Amino acid sequence: MRARGVLHVDSEVLVPFFDVDSMDVVWHGHYVKYLEVARCALLDRLGHNYMDMKAEGYVWPVIDLQLRYVRAARFGQRLRVRADLVEWQNRLKVNYLVSDADSGQRMTRASTVQVAVRIADGEMQLASPQSFVDAVERCISGGHADREDPKGGHPWPRSPTKSL
């Protein structure tokens, strides 16, 4: 099992017709889009999203992407995409679990790694910008980090759900 992060979000995606191939399953490349939906929700939860990053002079390209397909998703299926923040000080690493929203059955697991690149000169940064690190640490220390609810064992507070 992949590491759980210091915080996470769960996003919901309803598989649209235009994402399936001639075999009536989601074309493998579309899973990357589902990961992006969850990652954007995670950054929003941090209070430091792509617009904030760009305004501060950085872009964050994906430099590594790992996907492990377990089961095929199909048209109309509701997917839950969990995004876990696992690294943030030198790079942004997020682990994902894509599961069937109704049964909880695992469909895909993945991870992405992104690094900060200064827009002004295109230079890759060896450490995350301090503003991003501060945003993560504020979120964690401010009570937004994932914790176990002593009554139910579920992550608390509950993560937002978004649709594609």
Protein backbone atom coordinates (compact mmCIF):
# COMPACT_ATOMS: atom_id res chain seq x y z
CA MET A 1 0.00 0.00 0.00
CA ARG A 2 1.27 3.46 -0.86
CA ALA A 3 1.98 5.96 1.86
CA ARG A 4 -0.87 8.07 3.10
CA GLY A 5 -0.09 11.74 3.19
CA VAL A 6 -0.26 14.42 5.83
CA LEU A 7 -3.58 15.44 4.33
CA HIS A 8 -5.85 14.32 1.54
CA VAL A 9 -8.94 15.12 -0.48
CA ASP A 10 -11.47 12.84 -2.09
CA SER A 11 -12.86 14.02 -5.42
CA GLU A 12 -15.63 12.41 -7.39
CA VAL A 13 -15.55 11.96 -11.16
CA LEU A 14 -18.45 10.68 -13.25
CA VAL A 15 -16.95 8.95 -16.32
CA PRO A 16 -18.28 10.79 -19.39
CA PHE A 17 -19.06 9.05 -22.67
CA PHE A 18 -16.25 10.83 -24.52
CA ASP A 19 -13.66 9.25 -22.18
CA VAL A 20 -14.39 5.66 -23.26
CA ASP A 21 -12.79 3.85 -26.17
CA SER A 22 -14.18 1.36 -28.68
CA MET A 23 -14.06 -1.36 -26.02
CA ASP A 24 -16.38 0.72 -23.76
CA VAL A 25 -13.70 1.29 -21.13
CA VAL A 26 -11.95 4.49 -20.12
CA TRP A 27 -8.99 5.10 -22.38
CA HIS A 28 -5.87 4.87 -20.20
CA GLY A 29 -4.75 8.44 -20.88
CA HIS A 30 -7.89 9.93 -19.35
CA TYR A 31 -6.93 8.74 -15.86
CA VAL A 32 -4.30 11.49 -15.83
CA LYS A 33 -7.13 14.04 -16.13
CA TYR A 34 -8.91 12.45 -13.14
CA LEU A 35 -5.71 12.74 -11.09
CA GLU A 36 -5.49 16.41 -12.02
CA VAL A 37 -9.03 17.03 -10.75
CA ALA A 38 -8.06 15.58 -7.37
CA ARG A 39 -4.69 17.34 -7.26
CA CYS A 40 -6.32 20.73 -7.94
CA ALA A 41 -8.79 20.07 -5.10
CA LEU A 42 -5.84 19.20 -2.84
CA LEU A 43 -4.04 22.46 -3.72
CA ASP A 44 -7.26 24.40 -3.13
CA ARG A 45 -7.48 22.78 0.30
CA LEU A 46 -3.95 23.98 1.00
CA GLY A 47 -4.96 27.49 0.05
CA HIS A 48 -2.10 27.64 -2.46
CA ASN A 49 -3.26 26.52 -5.90
CA TYR A 50 -1.78 26.80 -9.40
CA MET A 51 -2.96 30.40 -9.81
CA ASP A 52 -1.21 31.36 -6.56
CA MET A 53 1.94 29.53 -7.67
CA LYS A 54 1.97 31.31 -11.02
CA ALA A 55 1.33 34.72 -9.40
CA GLU A 56 4.45 34.11 -7.28
CA GLY A 57 6.51 33.38 -10.38
CA TYR A 58 6.53 29.58 -10.52
CA VAL A 59 5.08 26.82 -12.64
CA TRP A 60 5.02 23.22 -11.43
CA PRO A 61 5.39 20.72 -14.29
CA VAL A 62 4.83 17.03 -13.68
CA ILE A 63 8.24 15.36 -13.99
CA ASP A 64 7.21 11.84 -13.02
CA LEU A 65 3.94 9.96 -13.34
CA GLN A 66 3.33 6.38 -12.22
CA LEU A 67 0.06 4.54 -12.91
CA ARG A 68 -0.96 1.00 -12.03
CA TYR A 69 -4.22 -0.11 -13.64
CA VAL A 70 -6.15 -2.72 -11.71
CA ARG A 71 -9.66 -2.60 -13.20
CA ALA A 72 -11.18 -0.80 -16.14
CA ALA A 73 -13.59 2.06 -15.48
CA ARG A 74 -16.65 2.39 -17.71
CA PHE A 75 -19.03 5.03 -19.01
CA GLY A 76 -21.30 6.41 -16.28
CA GLN A 77 -19.26 4.93 -13.43
CA ARG A 78 -18.75 7.14 -10.39
CA LEU A 79 -15.11 7.19 -9.36
CA ARG A 80 -13.61 8.46 -6.13
CA VAL A 81 -10.10 9.83 -6.54
CA ARG A 82 -8.16 10.21 -3.30
CA ALA A 83 -5.13 12.49 -3.48
CA ASP A 84 -2.63 12.26 -0.61
CA LEU A 85 0.09 14.88 -0.13
CA VAL A 86 3.24 12.95 0.76
CA GLU A 87 6.13 15.36 -0.04
CA TRP A 88 6.24 19.14 -0.31
CA GLN A 89 9.55 20.59 0.91
CA ASN A 90 11.71 19.88 -2.15
CA ARG A 91 9.10 18.69 -4.60
CA LEU A 92 5.38 18.06 -4.70
CA LYS A 93 4.59 14.35 -4.53
CA VAL A 94 1.01 13.15 -4.47
CA ASN A 95 -0.20 9.55 -4.21
CA TYR A 96 -3.61 8.66 -5.62
CA LEU A 97 -6.14 5.92 -5.22
CA VAL A 98 -8.93 5.69 -7.78
CA SER A 99 -11.81 3.52 -6.63
CA ASP A 100 -15.41 2.80 -7.52
CA ALA A 101 -17.45 5.34 -5.53
CA ASP A 102 -20.24 2.86 -4.81
CA SER A 103 -18.37 -0.34 -3.95
CA GLY A 104 -15.01 1.07 -2.86
CA GLN A 105 -13.28 -1.41 -5.19
CA ARG A 106 -9.80 -0.23 -6.24
CA MET A 107 -9.51 0.69 -9.90
CA THR A 108 -6.13 2.41 -10.23
CA ARG A 109 -3.34 3.72 -8.07
CA ALA A 110 -0.89 6.38 -9.09
CA SER A 111 1.61 9.00 -8.04
CA THR A 112 2.88 12.25 -9.51
CA VAL A 113 5.96 14.31 -8.79
CA GLN A 114 6.16 17.99 -9.65
CA VAL A 115 8.92 20.54 -9.15
CA ALA A 116 8.89 24.31 -9.05
CA VAL A 117 10.34 26.06 -12.09
CA ARG A 118 10.94 29.81 -11.93
CA ILE A 119 9.02 31.44 -14.78
CA ALA A 120 11.51 34.29 -15.20
CA ASP A 121 14.42 32.10 -16.29
CA GLY A 122 13.04 28.54 -16.57
CA GLU A 123 15.31 27.31 -13.79
CA MET A 124 14.22 24.22 -11.88
CA GLN A 125 14.26 24.80 -8.14
CA LEU A 126 15.99 22.34 -5.82
CA ALA A 127 13.58 23.22 -3.01
CA SER A 128 9.93 24.21 -3.01
CA PRO A 129 9.32 27.97 -2.72
CA GLN A 130 8.96 28.98 0.92
CA SER A 131 5.43 30.31 0.31
CA PHE A 132 4.30 26.83 -0.73
CA VAL A 133 6.02 25.12 2.22
CA ASP A 134 4.45 27.70 4.55
CA ALA A 135 0.98 27.07 3.08
CA VAL A 136 1.30 23.32 3.67
CA GLU A 137 2.57 23.77 7.20
CA ARG A 138 -0.17 26.31 7.99
CA CYS A 139 -2.76 23.84 6.75
CA ILE A 140 -1.28 21.00 8.81
CA SER A 141 -0.86 23.01 11.99
CA GLY A 142 -4.19 24.78 11.58
CA GLY A 143 -6.12 21.58 12.14
CA HIS A 144 -6.66 20.72 8.49
CA ALA A 145 -4.32 17.74 8.43
CA ASP A 146 -5.96 14.35 8.23
CA ARG A 147 -6.69 12.82 11.57
CA GLU A 148 -8.68 9.86 12.64
CA ASP A 149 -12.09 10.58 14.11
CA PRO A 150 -12.06 8.76 17.45
CA LYS A 151 -15.72 7.78 17.03
CA GLY A 152 -15.71 6.47 13.47
CA GLY A 153 -12.16 6.04 12.30
CA HIS A 154 -12.81 8.18 9.22
CA PRO A 155 -10.56 11.05 8.18
CA TRP A 156 -11.61 14.21 9.90
CA PRO A 157 -12.46 16.76 8.68
CA ARG A 158 -14.15 15.17 5.70
CA SER A 159 -12.66 16.07 2.35
CA PRO A 160 -14.54 17.98 -0.33
CA THR A 161 -16.07 16.19 -3.28
CA LYS A 162 -15.79 17.66 -6.77
CA SER A 163 -17.25 16.57 -10.08
CA LEU A 164 -15.62 16.64 -13.49
